[in-house]
């Protein structure tokens, strides 16, 4: 699976994640699926209600508002994103355990080196994570 992300949306994710340090930042992604490829039309910056550096929970009200906005624009939920303030851009065991939707893309931004953030996208199914091809446009 290839997933397309606009450079300005990548920059928004990084800025939001840096602003939330030392805690994890999180959000949703919405857009379209065409020809087996995902196109992110909007990145939603949500509140991590856990206020934790090791895990996150999306604010339910903000999550509902984001899904309503996606529907209003004719988009579908494509997945979510979160940051890893001190670890690599790969799903933790908890991330894999909590990845309930095998159709979703899970974007993880590593801020281990804040000068060079690393963003990867993953497909998680039955506890196994496979990296997706992420294209910045």
C-alpha atoms as a PDB file:
ATOM      1  CA  UNK A   1       0.000   0.000   0.000  1.00  0.00           C
ATOM      2  CA  UNK A   2       1.226   3.471  -0.864  1.00  0.00           C
ATOM      3  CA  UNK A   3       0.094   6.413   1.230  1.00  0.00           C
ATOM      4  CA  UNK A   4       0.443  10.010   0.015  1.00  0.00           C
ATOM      5  CA  UNK A   5       0.997  12.901   2.454  1.00  0.00           C
ATOM      6  CA  UNK A   6       1.375  16.567   1.565  1.00  0.00           C
ATOM      7  CA  UNK A   7       4.599  18.188   2.803  1.00  0.00           C
ATOM      8  CA  UNK A   8       2.649  20.927   4.611  1.00  0.00           C
ATOM      9  CA  UNK A   9       0.670  18.261   6.506  1.00  0.00           C
ATOM     10  CA  UNK A  10       3.908  16.507   7.461  1.00  0.00           C
ATOM     11  CA  UNK A  11       5.187  19.871   8.760  1.00  0.00           C
ATOM     12  CA  UNK A  12       1.979  20.332  10.799  1.00  0.00           C
ATOM     13  CA  UNK A  13       2.392  16.875  12.379  1.00  0.00           C
ATOM     14  CA  UNK A  14       6.024  17.594  13.299  1.00  0.00           C
ATOM     15  CA  UNK A  15       5.211  21.040  14.742  1.00  0.00           C
ATOM     16  CA  UNK A  16       2.327  19.660  16.818  1.00  0.00           C
ATOM     17  CA  UNK A  17       4.435  16.738  18.070  1.00  0.00           C
ATOM     18  CA  UNK A  18       7.304  19.040  19.071  1.00  0.00           C
ATOM     19  CA  UNK A  19       4.865  21.343  20.889  1.00  0.00           C
ATOM     20  CA  UNK A  20       3.516  18.393  22.909  1.00  0.00           C
ATOM     21  CA  UNK A  21       6.908  17.200  24.164  1.00  0.00           C
ATOM     22  CA  UNK A  22       7.737  15.450  26.410  1.00  0.00           C
ATOM     23  CA  UNK A  23       4.398  13.675  25.787  1.00  0.00           C
ATOM     24  CA  UNK A  24       3.229  11.760  22.746  1.00  0.00           C
ATOM     25  CA  UNK A  25       1.101  13.696  20.275  1.00  0.00           C
ATOM     26  CA  UNK A  26      -1.676  12.089  18.254  1.00  0.00           C
ATOM     27  CA  UNK A  27      -4.339  12.581  15.649  1.00  0.00           C
ATOM     28  CA  UNK A  28      -6.309  11.149  12.766  1.00  0.00           C
ATOM     29  CA  UNK A  29      -5.878  11.146   9.004  1.00  0.00           C
ATOM     30  CA  UNK A  30      -8.701  11.354   6.486  1.00  0.00           C
ATOM     31  CA  UNK A  31      -8.862  11.260   2.723  1.00  0.00           C
ATOM     32  CA  UNK A  32      -9.507   8.999  -0.227  1.00  0.00           C
ATOM     33  CA  UNK A  33      -8.538   5.562  -1.477  1.00  0.00           C
ATOM     34  CA  UNK A  34      -8.008   5.370  -5.233  1.00  0.00           C
ATOM     35  CA  UNK A  35      -6.615   2.416  -7.120  1.00  0.00           C
ATOM     36  CA  UNK A  36      -5.288   0.809  -3.961  1.00  0.00           C
ATOM     37  CA  UNK A  37      -3.452   3.960  -2.871  1.00  0.00           C
ATOM     38  CA  UNK A  38      -4.354   6.225   0.049  1.00  0.00           C
ATOM     39  CA  UNK A  39      -4.356   9.997  -0.350  1.00  0.00           C
ATOM     40  CA  UNK A  40      -4.397  11.981   2.890  1.00  0.00           C
ATOM     41  CA  UNK A  41      -6.541  15.082   2.388  1.00  0.00           C
ATOM     42  CA  UNK A  42      -6.491  16.288   5.982  1.00  0.00           C
ATOM     43  CA  UNK A  43      -4.461  15.668   9.118  1.00  0.00           C
ATOM     44  CA  UNK A  44      -6.327  16.137  12.391  1.00  0.00           C
ATOM     45  CA  UNK A  45      -4.294  17.264  15.400  1.00  0.00           C
ATOM     46  CA  UNK A  46      -6.021  15.853  18.492  1.00  0.00           C
ATOM     47  CA  UNK A  47      -5.401  15.947  22.227  1.00  0.00           C
ATOM     48  CA  UNK A  48      -3.639  13.050  23.919  1.00  0.00           C
ATOM     49  CA  UNK A  49      -5.908  12.666  26.941  1.00  0.00           C
ATOM     50  CA  UNK A  50      -3.329  10.383  28.618  1.00  0.00           C
ATOM     51  CA  UNK A  51      -0.751  13.200  28.733  1.00  0.00           C
ATOM     52  CA  UNK A  52       1.922  10.489  28.620  1.00  0.00           C
ATOM     53  CA  UNK A  53       5.315  10.112  26.982  1.00  0.00           C
ATOM     54  CA  UNK A  54       4.725   6.378  26.407  1.00  0.00           C
ATOM     55  CA  UNK A  55       1.144   6.032  25.144  1.00  0.00           C
ATOM     56  CA  UNK A  56      -1.818   8.005  23.896  1.00  0.00           C
ATOM     57  CA  UNK A  57      -5.596   8.108  23.854  1.00  0.00           C
ATOM     58  CA  UNK A  58      -7.468  10.299  21.393  1.00  0.00           C
ATOM     59  CA  UNK A  59      -9.906  12.807  22.862  1.00  0.00           C
ATOM     60  CA  UNK A  60     -13.322  11.242  22.071  1.00  0.00           C
ATOM     61  CA  UNK A  61     -15.090  14.559  21.343  1.00  0.00           C
ATOM     62  CA  UNK A  62     -12.308  15.695  19.007  1.00  0.00           C
ATOM     63  CA  UNK A  63     -12.296  12.267  17.360  1.00  0.00           C
ATOM     64  CA  UNK A  64     -16.035  12.514  16.673  1.00  0.00           C
ATOM     65  CA  UNK A  65     -15.645  16.056  15.283  1.00  0.00           C
ATOM     66  CA  UNK A  66     -12.851  14.854  12.976  1.00  0.00           C
ATOM     67  CA  UNK A  67     -14.945  11.956  11.650  1.00  0.00           C
ATOM     68  CA  UNK A  68     -17.886  14.323  11.077  1.00  0.00           C
ATOM     69  CA  UNK A  69     -15.584  16.672   9.179  1.00  0.00           C
ATOM     70  CA  UNK A  70     -14.334  13.772   7.036  1.00  0.00           C
ATOM     71  CA  UNK A  71     -17.893  12.741   6.178  1.00  0.00           C
ATOM     72  CA  UNK A  72     -18.890  16.336   5.406  1.00  0.00           C
ATOM     73  CA  UNK A  73     -16.004  16.521   2.913  1.00  0.00           C
ATOM     74  CA  UNK A  74     -16.678  13.115   1.354  1.00  0.00           C
ATOM     75  CA  UNK A  75     -13.522  11.563   2.821  1.00  0.00           C
ATOM     76  CA  UNK A  76     -13.013   8.326   4.708  1.00  0.00           C
ATOM     77  CA  UNK A  77     -10.980   7.699   7.863  1.00  0.00           C
ATOM     78  CA  UNK A  78      -7.585   6.388   6.731  1.00  0.00           C
ATOM     79  CA  UNK A  79      -6.022   5.795  10.141  1.00  0.00           C
ATOM     80  CA  UNK A  80      -4.189   7.672  12.845  1.00  0.00           C
ATOM     81  CA  UNK A  81      -0.810   9.115  13.686  1.00  0.00           C
ATOM     82  CA  UNK A  82       1.152   9.530  16.875  1.00  0.00           C
ATOM     83  CA  UNK A  83       4.631  10.488  17.964  1.00  0.00           C
ATOM     84  CA  UNK A  84       7.326   8.578  19.783  1.00  0.00           C
ATOM     85  CA  UNK A  85       9.258  11.248  21.713  1.00  0.00           C
ATOM     86  CA  UNK A  86      12.156   8.969  22.667  1.00  0.00           C
ATOM     87  CA  UNK A  87      11.905   5.829  20.517  1.00  0.00           C
ATOM     88  CA  UNK A  88      12.163   4.811  16.842  1.00  0.00           C
ATOM     89  CA  UNK A  89       9.458   5.162  14.194  1.00  0.00           C
ATOM     90  CA  UNK A  90       8.043   1.656  14.545  1.00  0.00           C
ATOM     91  CA  UNK A  91       5.038   0.252  16.392  1.00  0.00           C
ATOM     92  CA  UNK A  92       5.620  -0.683  20.013  1.00  0.00           C
ATOM     93  CA  UNK A  93       4.102  -3.884  21.369  1.00  0.00           C
ATOM     94  CA  UNK A  94       1.289  -1.751  22.837  1.00  0.00           C
ATOM     95  CA  UNK A  95       0.756  -0.034  19.454  1.00  0.00           C
ATOM     96  CA  UNK A  96       0.387  -3.439  17.785  1.00  0.00           C
ATOM     97  CA  UNK A  97      -1.928  -4.735  20.502  1.00  0.00           C
ATOM     98  CA  UNK A  98      -4.192  -1.683  20.183  1.00  0.00           C
ATOM     99  CA  UNK A  99      -4.268  -1.673  16.357  1.00  0.00           C
ATOM    100  CA  UNK A 100      -7.828  -2.960  16.011  1.00  0.00           C
ATOM    101  CA  UNK A 101      -8.511  -1.877  12.413  1.00  0.00           C
ATOM    102  CA  UNK A 102      -6.492  -3.818   9.830  1.00  0.00           C
ATOM    103  CA  UNK A 103      -7.663  -1.381   7.112  1.00  0.00           C
ATOM    104  CA  UNK A 104      -6.100   1.598   8.920  1.00  0.00           C
ATOM    105  CA  UNK A 105      -2.682   3.117   8.358  1.00  0.00           C
ATOM    106  CA  UNK A 106      -0.717   3.860  11.500  1.00  0.00           C
ATOM    107  CA  UNK A 107       1.738   6.727  11.067  1.00  0.00           C
ATOM    108  CA  UNK A 108       4.465   6.997  13.698  1.00  0.00           C
ATOM    109  CA  UNK A 109       6.728  10.033  14.013  1.00  0.00           C
ATOM    110  CA  UNK A 110       9.982   9.486  15.885  1.00  0.00           C
ATOM    111  CA  UNK A 111      11.443  12.517  17.638  1.00  0.00           C
ATOM    112  CA  UNK A 112      14.497  10.661  18.967  1.00  0.00           C
ATOM    113  CA  UNK A 113      16.539  13.128  16.956  1.00  0.00           C
ATOM    114  CA  UNK A 114      14.454  16.315  16.954  1.00  0.00           C
ATOM    115  CA  UNK A 115      16.629  17.815  14.220  1.00  0.00           C
ATOM    116  CA  UNK A 116      15.704  14.942  11.880  1.00  0.00           C
ATOM    117  CA  UNK A 117      12.239  13.551  12.701  1.00  0.00           C
ATOM    118  CA  UNK A 118      11.381  10.218  11.051  1.00  0.00           C
ATOM    119  CA  UNK A 119       7.845   9.417   9.883  1.00  0.00           C
ATOM    120  CA  UNK A 120       6.794   5.947   8.761  1.00  0.00           C
ATOM    121  CA  UNK A 121       3.431   4.373   8.013  1.00  0.00           C
ATOM    122  CA  UNK A 122       2.452   0.844   8.996  1.00  0.00           C
ATOM    123  CA  UNK A 123      -0.244  -1.704   8.268  1.00  0.00           C
ATOM    124  CA  UNK A 124      -0.884  -3.768  11.411  1.00  0.00           C
ATOM    125  CA  UNK A 125      -2.782  -7.023  11.334  1.00  0.00           C
ATOM    126  CA  UNK A 126      -2.857  -9.825  13.926  1.00  0.00           C
ATOM    127  CA  UNK A 127       0.022  -8.265  15.831  1.00  0.00           C
ATOM    128  CA  UNK A 128       2.290  -8.022  12.785  1.00  0.00           C
ATOM    129  CA  UNK A 129       3.396  -4.630  11.460  1.00  0.00           C
ATOM    130  CA  UNK A 130       4.404  -4.084   7.832  1.00  0.00           C
ATOM    131  CA  UNK A 131       5.810  -0.791   6.642  1.00  0.00           C
ATOM    132  CA  UNK A 132       3.778   1.023   3.996  1.00  0.00           C
ATOM    133  CA  UNK A 133       5.299   3.118   1.219  1.00  0.00           C
ATOM    134  CA  UNK A 134       4.925   6.746   2.370  1.00  0.00           C
ATOM    135  CA  UNK A 135       5.251   9.474  -0.267  1.00  0.00           C
ATOM    136  CA  UNK A 136       5.691  13.130   0.755  1.00  0.00           C
ATOM    137  CA  UNK A 137       4.327  15.465  -1.916  1.00  0.00           C
END
